[in-house]
Amino acid sequence: MRVAAILFTIFLSATAFAEERRLSGDEIANLLPAITASIGTVHQTFESNGDTVFTQGSRVSSGRWRVRDNLYCSTWPPSDAWRCYEVRFEKSVGDAPDRIIWVDTENREETVNFILPKAQ
């Protein structure tokens, strides 16, 4: 038990140095076309023209994205409804990739992805 407490303390101290901040609309618009948001086998890319592609294993979905009132908003067919999210950026500690955090404006749920360079 003592070892677990020590390891937990080390983990907390390592993550205490991470810097999380909310992105502005301009920052969102500039960041997204340059990255892939990823967690495990789930990946999402963003084009500057507003196209976005979500891939989960062999499942691929295409949608649209835009920035409105400093929020990332997206729509996915067959729906034409737009859903918006706060976007937060978290600088990593060490060699781990930075993170992007999507905060649902309706229910305050967070989705965390790693930021990977966009494949060329």
PDB file of N, CA and C in Angstrom:
ATOM      1  N   MET A   1       0.833  -1.195   0.000  1.00  0.00           N
ATOM      2  CA  MET A   1       0.000   0.000   0.000  1.00  0.00           C
ATOM      3  C   MET A   1       0.870   1.248   0.000  1.00  0.00           C
ATOM      4  N   ARG A   2       1.937   1.218   0.777  1.00  0.00           N
ATOM      5  CA  ARG A   2       2.831   2.377   0.849  1.00  0.00           C
ATOM      6  C   ARG A   2       3.479   2.645  -0.511  1.00  0.00           C
ATOM      7  N   VAL A   3       3.861   1.584  -1.231  1.00  0.00           N
ATOM      8  CA  VAL A   3       4.462   1.744  -2.550  1.00  0.00           C
ATOM      9  C   VAL A   3       3.459   2.390  -3.508  1.00  0.00           C
ATOM     10  N   ALA A   4       2.211   1.957  -3.448  1.00  0.00           N
ATOM     11  CA  ALA A   4       1.184   2.531  -4.309  1.00  0.00           C
ATOM     12  C   ALA A   4       1.004   4.017  -4.008  1.00  0.00           C
ATOM     13  N   ALA A   5       1.022   4.388  -2.745  1.00  0.00           N
ATOM     14  CA  ALA A   5       0.881   5.799  -2.361  1.00  0.00           C
ATOM     15  C   ALA A   5       2.060   6.616  -2.876  1.00  0.00           C
ATOM     16  N   ILE A   6       3.242   6.063  -2.800  1.00  0.00           N
ATOM     17  CA  ILE A   6       4.435   6.763  -3.289  1.00  0.00           C
ATOM     18  C   ILE A   6       4.353   6.940  -4.799  1.00  0.00           C
ATOM     19  N   LEU A   7       3.984   5.869  -5.511  1.00  0.00           N
ATOM     20  CA  LEU A   7       3.862   5.965  -6.970  1.00  0.00           C
ATOM     21  C   LEU A   7       2.791   6.968  -7.372  1.00  0.00           C
ATOM     22  N   PHE A   8       1.667   6.983  -6.658  1.00  0.00           N
ATOM     23  CA  PHE A   8       0.604   7.947  -6.944  1.00  0.00           C
ATOM     24  C   PHE A   8       1.106   9.375  -6.727  1.00  0.00           C
ATOM     25  N   THR A   9       1.866   9.602  -5.675  1.00  0.00           N
ATOM     26  CA  THR A   9       2.428  10.929  -5.397  1.00  0.00           C
ATOM     27  C   THR A   9       3.388  11.348  -6.499  1.00  0.00           C
ATOM     28  N   ILE A  10       4.218  10.414  -6.970  1.00  0.00           N
ATOM     29  CA  ILE A  10       5.139  10.725  -8.060  1.00  0.00           C
ATOM     30  C   ILE A  10       4.357  11.077  -9.314  1.00  0.00           C
ATOM     31  N   PHE A  11       3.302  10.313  -9.615  1.00  0.00           N
ATOM     32  CA  PHE A  11       2.468  10.576 -10.779  1.00  0.00           C
ATOM     33  C   PHE A  11       1.847  11.970 -10.686  1.00  0.00           C
ATOM     34  N   LEU A  12       1.310  12.315  -9.535  1.00  0.00           N
ATOM     35  CA  LEU A  12       0.687  13.634  -9.366  1.00  0.00           C
ATOM     36  C   LEU A  12       1.703  14.753  -9.526  1.00  0.00           C
ATOM     37  N   SER A  13       2.896  14.571  -8.988  1.00  0.00           N
ATOM     38  CA  SER A  13       3.891  15.628  -9.096  1.00  0.00           C
ATOM     39  C   SER A  13       4.350  15.787 -10.539  1.00  0.00           C
ATOM     40  N   ALA A  14       4.408  14.690 -11.303  1.00  0.00           N
ATOM     41  CA  ALA A  14       4.810  14.772 -12.701  1.00  0.00           C
ATOM     42  C   ALA A  14       3.745  15.487 -13.525  1.00  0.00           C
ATOM     43  N   THR A  15       2.482  15.220 -13.264  1.00  0.00           N
ATOM     44  CA  THR A  15       1.422  15.847 -14.035  1.00  0.00           C
ATOM     45  C   THR A  15       1.121  17.260 -13.554  1.00  0.00           C
ATOM     46  N   ALA A  16       1.594  17.632 -12.399  1.00  0.00           N
ATOM     47  CA  ALA A  16       1.348  18.970 -11.874  1.00  0.00           C
ATOM     48  C   ALA A  16       2.016  20.038 -12.732  1.00  0.00           C
ATOM     49  N   PHE A  17       2.986  19.649 -13.522  1.00  0.00           N
ATOM     50  CA  PHE A  17       3.689  20.608 -14.351  1.00  0.00           C
ATOM     51  C   PHE A  17       3.037  20.816 -15.710  1.00  0.00           C
ATOM     52  N   ALA A  18       2.050  19.989 -16.028  1.00  0.00           N
ATOM     53  CA  ALA A  18       1.358  20.147 -17.304  1.00  0.00           C
ATOM     54  C   ALA A  18       0.563  21.448 -17.285  1.00  0.00           C
ATOM     55  N   GLU A  19       0.555  22.124 -18.408  1.00  0.00           N
ATOM     56  CA  GLU A  19      -0.146  23.405 -18.517  1.00  0.00           C
ATOM     57  C   GLU A  19      -1.382  23.216 -19.385  1.00  0.00           C
ATOM     58  N   GLU A  20      -2.550  23.405 -18.802  1.00  0.00           N
ATOM     59  CA  GLU A  20      -3.799  23.294 -19.568  1.00  0.00           C
ATOM     60  C   GLU A  20      -4.399  24.679 -19.698  1.00  0.00           C
ATOM     61  N   ARG A  21      -4.793  25.022 -20.934  1.00  0.00           N
ATOM     62  CA  ARG A  21      -5.438  26.312 -21.140  1.00  0.00           C
ATOM     63  C   ARG A  21      -6.464  26.214 -22.251  1.00  0.00           C
ATOM     64  N   ARG A  22      -7.482  27.032 -22.140  1.00  0.00           N
ATOM     65  CA  ARG A  22      -8.541  27.068 -23.157  1.00  0.00           C
ATOM     66  C   ARG A  22      -8.038  27.825 -24.378  1.00  0.00           C
ATOM     67  N   LEU A  23      -8.336  27.304 -25.557  1.00  0.00           N
ATOM     68  CA  LEU A  23      -7.908  27.938 -26.796  1.00  0.00           C
ATOM     69  C   LEU A  23      -8.959  28.927 -27.292  1.00  0.00           C
ATOM     70  N   SER A  24      -8.476  29.976 -27.934  1.00  0.00           N
ATOM     71  CA  SER A  24      -9.371  30.944 -28.570  1.00  0.00           C
ATOM     72  C   SER A  24      -9.810  30.388 -29.922  1.00  0.00           C
ATOM     73  N   GLY A  25     -10.774  31.035 -30.531  1.00  0.00           N
ATOM     74  CA  GLY A  25     -11.232  30.611 -31.849  1.00  0.00           C
ATOM     75  C   GLY A  25     -10.121  30.617 -32.885  1.00  0.00           C
ATOM     76  N   ASP A  26      -9.296  31.667 -32.888  1.00  0.00           N
ATOM     77  CA  ASP A  26      -8.179  31.723 -33.832  1.00  0.00           C
ATOM     78  C   ASP A  26      -7.182  30.596 -33.583  1.00  0.00           C
ATOM     79  N   GLU A  27      -6.914  30.298 -32.326  1.00  0.00           N
ATOM     80  CA  GLU A  27      -5.989  29.203 -32.006  1.00  0.00           C
ATOM     81  C   GLU A  27      -6.547  27.856 -32.464  1.00  0.00           C
ATOM     82  N   ILE A  28      -7.851  27.647 -32.286  1.00  0.00           N
ATOM     83  CA  ILE A  28      -8.492  26.406 -32.740  1.00  0.00           C
ATOM     84  C   ILE A  28      -8.366  26.298 -34.255  1.00  0.00           C
ATOM     85  N   ALA A  29      -8.702  27.372 -34.962  1.00  0.00           N
ATOM     86  CA  ALA A  29      -8.672  27.374 -36.426  1.00  0.00           C
ATOM     87  C   ALA A  29      -7.270  27.128 -36.975  1.00  0.00           C
ATOM     88  N   ASN A  30      -6.255  27.585 -36.286  1.00  0.00           N
ATOM     89  CA  ASN A  30      -4.875  27.380 -36.723  1.00  0.00           C
ATOM     90  C   ASN A  30      -4.328  26.013 -36.343  1.00  0.00           C
ATOM     91  N   LEU A  31      -4.724  25.494 -35.183  1.00  0.00           N
ATOM     92  CA  LEU A  31      -4.190  24.223 -34.699  1.00  0.00           C
ATOM     93  C   LEU A  31      -4.766  23.018 -35.436  1.00  0.00           C
ATOM     94  N   LEU A  32      -6.073  22.947 -35.565  1.00  0.00           N
ATOM     95  CA  LEU A  32      -6.700  21.715 -36.038  1.00  0.00           C
ATOM     96  C   LEU A  32      -6.228  21.244 -37.411  1.00  0.00           C
ATOM     97  N   PRO A  33      -6.082  22.107 -38.416  1.00  0.00           N
ATOM     98  CA  PRO A  33      -5.637  21.591 -39.717  1.00  0.00           C
ATOM     99  C   PRO A  33      -4.203  21.041 -39.707  1.00  0.00           C
ATOM    100  N   ALA A  34      -3.458  21.279 -38.646  1.00  0.00           N
ATOM    101  CA  ALA A  34      -2.069  20.834 -38.577  1.00  0.00           C
ATOM    102  C   ALA A  34      -1.883  19.542 -37.787  1.00  0.00           C
ATOM    103  N   ILE A  35      -2.967  19.000 -37.212  1.00  0.00           N
ATOM    104  CA  ILE A  35      -2.821  17.864 -36.302  1.00  0.00           C
ATOM    105  C   ILE A  35      -3.745  16.711 -36.648  1.00  0.00           C
ATOM    106  N   THR A  36      -3.467  15.597 -35.991  1.00  0.00           N
ATOM    107  CA  THR A  36      -4.398  14.490 -35.881  1.00  0.00           C
ATOM    108  C   THR A  36      -4.701  14.332 -34.406  1.00  0.00           C
ATOM    109  N   ALA A  37      -5.973  14.320 -34.035  1.00  0.00           N
ATOM    110  CA  ALA A  37      -6.380  14.053 -32.653  1.00  0.00           C
ATOM    111  C   ALA A  37      -6.550  12.541 -32.549  1.00  0.00           C
ATOM    112  N   SER A  38      -5.913  11.923 -31.553  1.00  0.00           N
ATOM    113  CA  SER A  38      -5.871  10.472 -31.523  1.00  0.00           C
ATOM    114  C   SER A  38      -5.922   9.925 -30.106  1.00  0.00           C
ATOM    115  N   ILE A  39      -6.576   8.786 -29.966  1.00  0.00           N
ATOM    116  CA  ILE A  39      -6.514   7.994 -28.733  1.00  0.00           C
ATOM    117  C   ILE A  39      -6.736   6.543 -29.146  1.00  0.00           C
ATOM    118  N   GLY A  40      -5.734   5.719 -28.957  1.00  0.00           N
ATOM    119  CA  GLY A  40      -5.840   4.321 -29.359  1.00  0.00           C
ATOM    120  C   GLY A  40      -6.049   4.189 -30.848  1.00  0.00           C
ATOM    121  N   THR A  41      -7.124   3.504 -31.246  1.00  0.00           N
ATOM    122  CA  THR A  41      -7.419   3.302 -32.673  1.00  0.00           C
ATOM    123  C   THR A  41      -8.365   4.354 -33.229  1.00  0.00           C
ATOM    124  N   VAL A  42      -8.625   5.400 -32.461  1.00  0.00           N
ATOM    125  CA  VAL A  42      -9.516   6.478 -32.889  1.00  0.00           C
ATOM    126  C   VAL A  42      -8.674   7.672 -33.319  1.00  0.00           C
ATOM    127  N   HIS A  43      -8.942   8.163 -34.533  1.00  0.00           N
ATOM    128  CA  HIS A  43      -8.192   9.304 -35.068  1.00  0.00           C
ATOM    129  C   HIS A  43      -9.163  10.269 -35.735  1.00  0.00           C
ATOM    130  N   GLN A  44      -8.870  11.562 -35.621  1.00  0.00           N
ATOM    131  CA  GLN A  44      -9.663  12.561 -36.324  1.00  0.00           C
ATOM    132  C   GLN A  44      -8.727  13.582 -36.930  1.00  0.00           C
ATOM    133  N   THR A  45      -8.948  13.877 -38.215  1.00  0.00           N
ATOM    134  CA  THR A  45      -8.182  14.912 -38.905  1.00  0.00           C
ATOM    135  C   THR A  45      -9.122  16.032 -39.312  1.00  0.00           C
ATOM    136  N   PHE A  46      -8.549  17.195 -39.568  1.00  0.00           N
ATOM    137  CA  PHE A  46      -9.308  18.402 -39.849  1.00  0.00           C
ATOM    138  C   PHE A  46      -8.657  19.129 -41.022  1.00  0.00           C
ATOM    139  N   GLU A  47      -9.459  19.544 -41.978  1.00  0.00           N
ATOM    140  CA  GLU A  47      -8.954  20.314 -43.109  1.00  0.00           C
ATOM    141  C   GLU A  47      -9.323  21.784 -42.919  1.00  0.00           C
ATOM    142  N   SER A  48      -8.518  22.680 -43.464  1.00  0.00           N
ATOM    143  CA  SER A  48      -8.798  24.109 -43.311  1.00  0.00           C
ATOM    144  C   SER A  48     -10.081  24.522 -44.029  1.00  0.00           C
ATOM    145  N   ASN A  49     -10.566  23.706 -44.984  1.00  0.00           N
ATOM    146  CA  ASN A  49     -11.822  24.020 -45.680  1.00  0.00           C
ATOM    147  C   ASN A  49     -13.060  23.587 -44.889  1.00  0.00           C
ATOM    148  N   GLY A  50     -12.860  22.994 -43.694  1.00  0.00           N
ATOM    149  CA  GLY A  50     -13.982  22.604 -42.850  1.00  0.00           C
ATOM    150  C   GLY A  50     -14.329  21.127 -42.894  1.00  0.00           C
ATOM    151  N   ASP A  51     -13.651  20.353 -43.729  1.00  0.00           N
ATOM    152  CA  ASP A  51     -13.869  18.906 -43.739  1.00  0.00           C
ATOM    153  C   ASP A  51     -13.175  18.272 -42.535  1.00  0.00           C
ATOM    154  N   THR A  52     -13.773  17.224 -41.987  1.00  0.00           N
ATOM    155  CA  THR A  52     -13.146  16.463 -40.919  1.00  0.00           C
ATOM    156  C   THR A  52     -13.449  14.985 -41.141  1.00  0.00           C
ATOM    157  N   VAL A  53     -12.487  14.144 -40.784  1.00  0.00           N
ATOM    158  CA  VAL A  53     -12.647  12.699 -40.956  1.00  0.00           C
ATOM    159  C   VAL A  53     -12.341  12.024 -39.633  1.00  0.00           C
ATOM    160  N   PHE A  54     -13.268  11.190 -39.191  1.00  0.00           N
ATOM    161  CA  PHE A  54     -13.159  10.425 -37.950  1.00  0.00           C
ATOM    162  C   PHE A  54     -12.957   8.966 -38.334  1.00  0.00           C
ATOM    163  N   THR A  55     -11.902   8.344 -37.829  1.00  0.00           N
ATOM    164  CA  THR A  55     -11.608   6.956 -38.135  1.00  0.00           C
ATOM    165  C   THR A  55     -11.503   6.174 -36.836  1.00  0.00           C
ATOM    166  N   GLN A  56     -12.234   5.087 -36.748  1.00  0.00           N
ATOM    167  CA  GLN A  56     -12.161   4.176 -35.597  1.00  0.00           C
ATOM    168  C   GLN A  56     -12.028   2.773 -36.162  1.00  0.00           C
ATOM    169  N   GLY A  57     -10.782   2.271 -36.153  1.00  0.00           N
ATOM    170  CA  GLY A  57     -10.525   0.986 -36.785  1.00  0.00           C
ATOM    171  C   GLY A  57     -10.824   1.092 -38.270  1.00  0.00           C
ATOM    172  N   SER A  58     -11.741   0.273 -38.770  1.00  0.00           N
ATOM    173  CA  SER A  58     -12.094   0.306 -40.187  1.00  0.00           C
ATOM    174  C   SER A  58     -13.289   1.223 -40.476  1.00  0.00           C
ATOM    175  N   ARG A  59     -13.886   1.782 -39.437  1.00  0.00           N
ATOM    176  CA  ARG A  59     -15.044   2.680 -39.601  1.00  0.00           C
ATOM    177  C   ARG A  59     -14.573   4.104 -39.874  1.00  0.00           C
ATOM    178  N   VAL A  60     -15.058   4.691 -40.954  1.00  0.00           N
ATOM    179  CA  VAL A  60     -14.665   6.051 -41.328  1.00  0.00           C
ATOM    180  C   VAL A  60     -15.927   6.898 -41.498  1.00  0.00           C
ATOM    181  N   SER A  61     -15.937   8.076 -40.879  1.00  0.00           N
ATOM    182  CA  SER A  61     -17.046   9.019 -41.011  1.00  0.00           C
ATOM    183  C   SER A  61     -16.498  10.372 -41.421  1.00  0.00           C
ATOM    184  N   SER A  62     -17.198  11.036 -42.315  1.00  0.00           N
ATOM    185  CA  SER A  62     -16.811  12.376 -42.747  1.00  0.00           C
ATOM    186  C   SER A  62     -17.836  13.378 -42.244  1.00  0.00           C
ATOM    187  N   GLY A  63     -17.357  14.511 -41.783  1.00  0.00           N
ATOM    188  CA  GLY A  63     -18.233  15.559 -41.280  1.00  0.00           C
ATOM    189  C   GLY A  63     -17.701  16.924 -41.645  1.00  0.00           C
ATOM    190  N   ARG A  64     -18.230  17.927 -40.980  1.00  0.00           N
ATOM    191  CA  ARG A  64     -17.818  19.321 -41.179  1.00  0.00           C
ATOM    192  C   ARG A  64     -17.503  19.932 -39.821  1.00  0.00           C
ATOM    193  N   TRP A  65     -16.574  20.884 -39.806  1.00  0.00           N
ATOM    194  CA  TRP A  65     -16.245  21.594 -38.578  1.00  0.00           C
ATOM    195  C   TRP A  65     -16.091  23.083 -38.881  1.00  0.00           C
ATOM    196  N   ARG A  66     -16.251  23.876 -37.829  1.00  0.00           N
ATOM    197  CA  ARG A  66     -16.047  25.327 -37.913  1.00  0.00           C
ATOM    198  C   ARG A  66     -15.831  25.856 -36.504  1.00  0.00           C
ATOM    199  N   VAL A  67     -15.394  27.085 -36.431  1.00  0.00           N
ATOM    200  CA  VAL A  67     -15.234  27.768 -35.146  1.00  0.00           C
ATOM    201  C   VAL A  67     -16.339  28.804 -35.040  1.00  0.00           C
ATOM    202  N   ARG A  68     -17.028  28.798 -33.885  1.00  0.00           N
ATOM    203  CA  ARG A  68     -18.089  29.769 -33.623  1.00  0.00           C
ATOM    204  C   ARG A  68     -17.978  30.196 -32.169  1.00  0.00           C
ATOM    205  N   ASP A  69     -17.849  31.493 -31.928  1.00  0.00           N
ATOM    206  CA  ASP A  69     -17.791  32.037 -30.563  1.00  0.00           C
ATOM    207  C   ASP A  69     -16.712  31.345 -29.716  1.00  0.00           C
ATOM    208  N   ASN A  70     -15.528  31.172 -30.277  1.00  0.00           N
ATOM    209  CA  ASN A  70     -14.391  30.542 -29.580  1.00  0.00           C
ATOM    210  C   ASN A  70     -14.647  29.088 -29.210  1.00  0.00           C
ATOM    211  N   LEU A  71     -15.536  28.425 -29.959  1.00  0.00           N
ATOM    212  CA  LEU A  71     -15.834  27.016 -29.749  1.00  0.00           C
ATOM    213  C   LEU A  71     -15.592  26.250 -31.041  1.00  0.00           C
ATOM    214  N   TYR A  72     -15.172  25.002 -30.913  1.00  0.00           N
ATOM    215  CA  TYR A  72     -15.109  24.078 -32.041  1.00  0.00           C
ATOM    216  C   TYR A  72     -16.504  23.495 -32.200  1.00  0.00           C
ATOM    217  N   CYS A  73     -17.044  23.539 -33.414  1.00  0.00           N
ATOM    218  CA  CYS A  73     -18.365  22.987 -33.677  1.00  0.00           C
ATOM    219  C   CYS A  73     -18.260  22.008 -34.837  1.00  0.00           C
ATOM    220  N   SER A  74     -19.032  20.915 -34.755  1.00  0.00           N
ATOM    221  CA  SER A  74     -19.005  19.924 -35.828  1.00  0.00           C
ATOM    222  C   SER A  74     -20.399  19.374 -36.073  1.00  0.00           C
ATOM    223  N   THR A  75     -20.566  18.861 -37.278  1.00  0.00           N
ATOM    224  CA  THR A  75     -21.797  18.190 -37.664  1.00  0.00           C
ATOM    225  C   THR A  75     -21.426  16.940 -38.445  1.00  0.00           C
ATOM    226  N   TRP A  76     -22.205  15.880 -38.237  1.00  0.00           N
ATOM    227  CA  TRP A  76     -21.926  14.582 -38.842  1.00  0.00           C
ATOM    228  C   TRP A  76     -23.198  14.056 -39.496  1.00  0.00           C
ATOM    229  N   PRO A  77     -23.158  13.850 -40.821  1.00  0.00           N
ATOM    230  CA  PRO A  77     -24.328  13.281 -41.502  1.00  0.00           C
ATOM    231  C   PRO A  77     -24.703  11.937 -40.884  1.00  0.00           C
ATOM    232  N   PRO A  78     -25.960  11.601 -40.889  1.00  0.00           N
ATOM    233  CA  PRO A  78     -27.029  12.254 -41.642  1.00  0.00           C
ATOM    234  C   PRO A  78     -27.617  13.464 -40.924  1.00  0.00           C
ATOM    235  N   SER A  79     -27.189  13.752 -39.699  1.00  0.00           N
ATOM    236  CA  SER A  79     -27.712  14.904 -38.975  1.00  0.00           C
ATOM    237  C   SER A  79     -27.137  16.191 -39.563  1.00  0.00           C
ATOM    238  N   ASP A  80     -27.908  17.276 -39.485  1.00  0.00           N
ATOM    239  CA  ASP A  80     -27.387  18.582 -39.870  1.00  0.00           C
ATOM    240  C   ASP A  80     -27.246  19.487 -38.642  1.00  0.00           C
ATOM    241  N   ALA A  81     -27.392  18.898 -37.457  1.00  0.00           N
ATOM    242  CA  ALA A  81     -27.256  19.650 -36.206  1.00  0.00           C
ATOM    243  C   ALA A  81     -25.775  19.863 -35.889  1.00  0.00           C
ATOM    244  N   TRP A  82     -25.444  21.062 -35.429  1.00  0.00           N
ATOM    245  CA  TRP A  82     -24.084  21.391 -35.028  1.00  0.00           C
ATOM    246  C   TRP A  82     -23.964  21.236 -33.521  1.00  0.00           C
ATOM    247  N   ARG A  83     -22.889  20.623 -33.062  1.00  0.00           N
ATOM    248  CA  ARG A  83     -22.613  20.460 -31.635  1.00  0.00           C
ATOM    249  C   ARG A  83     -21.284  21.152 -31.355  1.00  0.00           C
ATOM    250  N   CYS A  84     -21.210  21.922 -30.271  1.00  0.00           N
ATOM    251  CA  CYS A  84     -20.039  22.748 -30.011  1.00  0.00           C
ATOM    252  C   CYS A  84     -19.321  22.346 -28.720  1.00  0.00           C
ATOM    253  N   TYR A  85     -18.010  22.587 -28.719  1.00  0.00           N
ATOM    254  CA  TYR A  85     -17.133  22.182 -27.626  1.00  0.00           C
ATOM    255  C   TYR A  85     -16.110  23.272 -27.336  1.00  0.00           C
ATOM    256  N   GLU A  86     -15.828  23.472 -26.057  1.00  0.00           N
ATOM    257  CA  GLU A  86     -14.637  24.239 -25.686  1.00  0.00           C
ATOM    258  C   GLU A  86     -13.450  23.365 -26.061  1.00  0.00           C
ATOM    259  N   VAL A  87     -12.346  23.991 -26.419  1.00  0.00           N
ATOM    260  CA  VAL A  87     -11.144  23.237 -26.731  1.00  0.00           C
ATOM    261  C   VAL A  87     -10.043  23.709 -25.800  1.00  0.00           C
ATOM    262  N   ARG A  88      -9.445  22.753 -25.121  1.00  0.00           N
ATOM    263  CA  ARG A  88      -8.327  23.048 -24.223  1.00  0.00           C
ATOM    264  C   ARG A  88      -7.087  22.325 -24.724  1.00  0.00           C
ATOM    265  N   PHE A  89      -5.959  22.950 -24.495  1.00  0.00           N
ATOM    266  CA  PHE A  89      -4.664  22.396 -24.877  1.00  0.00           C
ATOM    267  C   PHE A  89      -3.873  22.134 -23.614  1.00  0.00           C
ATOM    268  N   GLU A  90      -3.240  20.966 -23.550  1.00  0.00           N
ATOM    269  CA  GLU A  90      -2.423  20.641 -22.385  1.00  0.00           C
ATOM    270  C   GLU A  90      -1.029  20.261 -22.855  1.00  0.00           C
ATOM    271  N   LYS A  91      -0.060  21.047 -22.437  1.00  0.00           N
ATOM    272  CA  LYS A  91       1.343  20.789 -22.763  1.00  0.00           C
ATOM    273  C   LYS A  91       1.809  19.607 -21.940  1.00  0.00           C
ATOM    274  N   SER A  92       2.444  18.646 -22.602  1.00  0.00           N
ATOM    275  CA  SER A  92       2.883  17.439 -21.901  1.00  0.00           C
ATOM    276  C   SER A  92       4.194  17.667 -21.174  1.00  0.00           C
ATOM    277  N   VAL A  93       4.470  16.754 -20.279  1.00  0.00           N
ATOM    278  CA  VAL A  93       5.736  16.731 -19.563  1.00  0.00           C
ATOM    279  C   VAL A  93       6.560  15.617 -20.187  1.00  0.00           C
ATOM    280  N   GLY A  94       7.801  15.908 -20.570  1.00  0.00           N
ATOM    281  CA  GLY A  94       8.652  14.869 -21.136  1.00  0.00           C
ATOM    282  C   GLY A  94       8.342  14.601 -22.587  1.00  0.00           C
ATOM    283  N   ASP A  95       8.455  13.332 -22.973  1.00  0.00           N
ATOM    284  CA  ASP A  95       8.321  12.938 -24.372  1.00  0.00           C
ATOM    285  C   ASP A  95       6.905  12.593 -24.806  1.00  0.00           C
ATOM    286  N   ALA A  96       5.957  12.590 -23.904  1.00  0.00           N
ATOM    287  CA  ALA A  96       4.578  12.257 -24.261  1.00  0.00           C
ATOM    288  C   ALA A  96       4.017  13.336 -25.179  1.00  0.00           C
ATOM    289  N   PRO A  97       3.080  12.967 -26.074  1.00  0.00           N
ATOM    290  CA  PRO A  97       2.473  13.998 -26.925  1.00  0.00           C
ATOM    291  C   PRO A  97       1.598  14.952 -26.111  1.00  0.00           C
ATOM    292  N   ASP A  98       1.462  16.168 -26.617  1.00  0.00           N
ATOM    293  CA  ASP A  98       0.538  17.120 -26.008  1.00  0.00           C
ATOM    294  C   ASP A  98      -0.872  16.568 -26.140  1.00  0.00           C
ATOM    295  N   ARG A  99      -1.805  17.167 -25.390  1.00  0.00           N
ATOM    296  CA  ARG A  99      -3.185  16.674 -25.418  1.00  0.00           C
ATOM    297  C   ARG A  99      -4.139  17.788 -25.812  1.00  0.00           C
ATOM    298  N   ILE A 100      -5.232  17.382 -26.454  1.00  0.00           N
ATOM    299  CA  ILE A 100      -6.325  18.286 -26.751  1.00  0.00           C
ATOM    300  C   ILE A 100      -7.538  17.752 -25.993  1.00  0.00           C
ATOM    301  N   ILE A 101      -8.239  18.644 -25.336  1.00  0.00           N
ATOM    302  CA  ILE A 101      -9.367  18.250 -24.495  1.00  0.00           C
ATOM    303  C   ILE A 101     -10.607  18.956 -25.023  1.00  0.00           C
ATOM    304  N   TRP A 102     -11.599  18.163 -25.402  1.00  0.00           N
ATOM    305  CA  TRP A 102     -12.869  18.666 -25.922  1.00  0.00           C
ATOM    306  C   TRP A 102     -13.858  18.670 -24.756  1.00  0.00           C
ATOM    307  N   VAL A 103     -14.441  19.819 -24.446  1.00  0.00           N
ATOM    308  CA  VAL A 103     -15.399  19.918 -23.348  1.00  0.00           C
ATOM    309  C   VAL A 103     -16.766  20.220 -23.945  1.00  0.00           C
ATOM    310  N   ASP A 104     -17.672  19.264 -23.823  1.00  0.00           N
ATOM    311  CA  ASP A 104     -19.025  19.399 -24.341  1.00  0.00           C
ATOM    312  C   ASP A 104     -19.711  20.551 -23.621  1.00  0.00           C
ATOM    313  N   THR A 105     -20.215  21.524 -24.365  1.00  0.00           N
ATOM    314  CA  THR A 105     -20.817  22.709 -23.745  1.00  0.00           C
ATOM    315  C   THR A 105     -22.170  22.417 -23.110  1.00  0.00           C
ATOM    316  N   GLU A 106     -22.791  21.286 -23.490  1.00  0.00           N
ATOM    317  CA  GLU A 106     -24.104  20.955 -22.935  1.00  0.00           C
ATOM    318  C   GLU A 106     -24.017  20.212 -21.606  1.00  0.00           C
ATOM    319  N   ASN A 107     -23.167  19.188 -21.546  1.00  0.00           N
ATOM    320  CA  ASN A 107     -23.139  18.382 -20.318  1.00  0.00           C
ATOM    321  C   ASN A 107     -21.797  18.396 -19.593  1.00  0.00           C
ATOM    322  N   ARG A 108     -20.860  19.199 -20.080  1.00  0.00           N
ATOM    323  CA  ARG A 108     -19.547  19.411 -19.452  1.00  0.00           C
ATOM    324  C   ARG A 108     -18.680  18.150 -19.433  1.00  0.00           C
ATOM    325  N   GLU A 109     -19.012  17.142 -20.219  1.00  0.00           N
ATOM    326  CA  GLU A 109     -18.173  15.959 -20.309  1.00  0.00           C
ATOM    327  C   GLU A 109     -16.936  16.284 -21.132  1.00  0.00           C
ATOM    328  N   GLU A 110     -15.811  15.686 -20.740  1.00  0.00           N
ATOM    329  CA  GLU A 110     -14.548  15.916 -21.422  1.00  0.00           C
ATOM    330  C   GLU A 110     -14.114  14.681 -22.194  1.00  0.00           C
ATOM    331  N   THR A 111     -13.558  14.905 -23.377  1.00  0.00           N
ATOM    332  CA  THR A 111     -12.929  13.855 -24.164  1.00  0.00           C
ATOM    333  C   THR A 111     -11.495  14.282 -24.392  1.00  0.00           C
ATOM    334  N   VAL A 112     -10.557  13.405 -24.067  1.00  0.00           N
ATOM    335  CA  VAL A 112      -9.142  13.731 -24.168  1.00  0.00           C
ATOM    336  C   VAL A 112      -8.526  12.940 -25.313  1.00  0.00           C
ATOM    337  N   ASN A 113      -7.794  13.642 -26.178  1.00  0.00           N
ATOM    338  CA  ASN A 113      -7.047  13.019 -27.272  1.00  0.00           C
ATOM    339  C   ASN A 113      -5.599  13.481 -27.211  1.00  0.00           C
ATOM    340  N   PHE A 114      -4.714  12.659 -27.750  1.00  0.00           N
ATOM    341  CA  PHE A 114      -3.330  13.073 -27.935  1.00  0.00           C
ATOM    342  C   PHE A 114      -3.222  13.821 -29.248  1.00  0.00           C
ATOM    343  N   ILE A 115      -2.317  14.780 -29.300  1.00  0.00           N
ATOM    344  CA  ILE A 115      -2.078  15.550 -30.509  1.00  0.00           C
ATOM    345  C   ILE A 115      -0.893  14.944 -31.244  1.00  0.00           C
ATOM    346  N   LEU A 116      -1.162  14.462 -32.444  1.00  0.00           N
ATOM    347  CA  LEU A 116      -0.111  13.899 -33.293  1.00  0.00           C
ATOM    348  C   LEU A 116       0.055  14.784 -34.512  1.00  0.00           C
ATOM    349  N   PRO A 117       1.267  14.815 -35.077  1.00  0.00           N
ATOM    350  CA  PRO A 117       1.424  15.576 -36.320  1.00  0.00           C
ATOM    351  C   PRO A 117       0.530  14.967 -37.402  1.00  0.00           C
ATOM    352  N   LYS A 118       0.016  15.807 -38.262  1.00  0.00           N
ATOM    353  CA  LYS A 118      -0.841  15.332 -39.337  1.00  0.00           C
ATOM    354  C   LYS A 118       0.011  14.590 -40.353  1.00  0.00           C
ATOM    355  N   ALA A 119      -0.434  13.407 -40.746  1.00  0.00           N
ATOM    356  CA  ALA A 119       0.277  12.629 -41.762  1.00  0.00           C
ATOM    357  C   ALA A 119       0.194  13.364 -43.087  1.00  0.00           C
ATOM    358  N   GLN A 120       1.285  13.407 -43.782  1.00  0.00           N
ATOM    359  CA  GLN A 120       1.320  14.122 -45.074  1.00  0.00           C
ATOM    360  C   GLN A 120       1.001  13.215 -46.221  1.00  0.00           C
TER     361      GLN A 120
END
